[in-house]
Amino acid sequence: MTNLADDFREPVREEVVVYGHPLLYMKIWEVGMNPPAPAREAYGPWHHHKEVELLAMIEGGMGMQTQDGYMRLEPGDVALFGASQLHRTHRVGASPVRFVVLQVDLGRHMESVALPYLYGLGDGAASLERLNGLLRDKPEVRREIYDLIAHMYEEYSGRARGYALALGSAIQRLLWLFVRHDDEGLLPASAERELQRLRPALDYVDRHLHERITVEEVSRLLNFSYHYFIRYFRSAMGCSFVDYVNRKRIKMAERLLLTRDISIAEAALQAGVPSIAQFYKLFKRFNRCSPKEFVARMSVRADG
């Protein structure tokens, strides 16, 4: 029986995840527990993190509780927790327990083609937690996701040449599996018609990324009012126009810093951020490290 006093402890926000590769925004590891049988089924504390989390059970049994319900995991099962989804776990029985944990910051990992799904994958999105029903009701999908997580763990642990490419493509396939088999429409994407209407704006951003870009000029390009454009863009792309542009700028700066012998100030200027203070702020927002730290980390992992 659960100690009711545990229910009222302040939920823990897990420490910032240190990603194994700075461009993948993910971490995967195996957890093993072989303690003596507990006097009761003790829960760990409620906790949350900004990454989407998947647990793949290898051995033993685990109980998972969220604000919306409870699920029991046996070997071969997979559980999914959305970004910032409160949850806690406990070991079931006295048998040894082994499982693999995969944490992915999908918002930072996504390329432009996946951005329309970002709204459904955002912080606190209950739809992700509800997708556990898909894993329960479609064993063939569950098996494929389980095998995919096992493959990712193997690549991440071995770190053979090209492992980052393998992990990146695996994350994209993982997202594709959920989207393709989402029969309930829990991850709605924008209609192609909406994206087509935005195409001139997206092309304009690509052409003028090194220049000053304002919402006013882009909304006029589409013959939209300022406020209508803001709402339409967020609805279609799952993020604000400003965030979209900033994401593109930092991605360009990353490429420049890794492929050209230029200073951080030059990379910032070419990416359209003339203020070095603003550039550092944006870079840390998207990468959780300074540009200098980013280059150093990437040079160490150049063989990946």
Foldseek 3Di string as FASTA:
>chain_A
DEDVVLVPDDAAEDDDDDDPALQFQKDKDKDKDQDAWDPDFYKDHWYFYQWKKKKAWQAAKKWKDFPVGIDIDHHLAMAIAAGRTIMIMTGDGNHMTMMMMMTHNCVLNDDQVCQQLDLLRGHPNVLRRVLSVVRVPPVVLSNVLSVLSVVLVVLSVVVAFPSVVSNSVSVVVNVVSSVVSVPVCSRPGADVVLVVLCVVVVVVCVVQQLEDDDLVVSCVVSPHDSVVVQVSCCNHRVDGPVVVSLSQLLVQLLCCLQPHDDDSCVSNNRRNRNDSVVVQVSNCVSRVDGPVVNNVSCVVSVSD
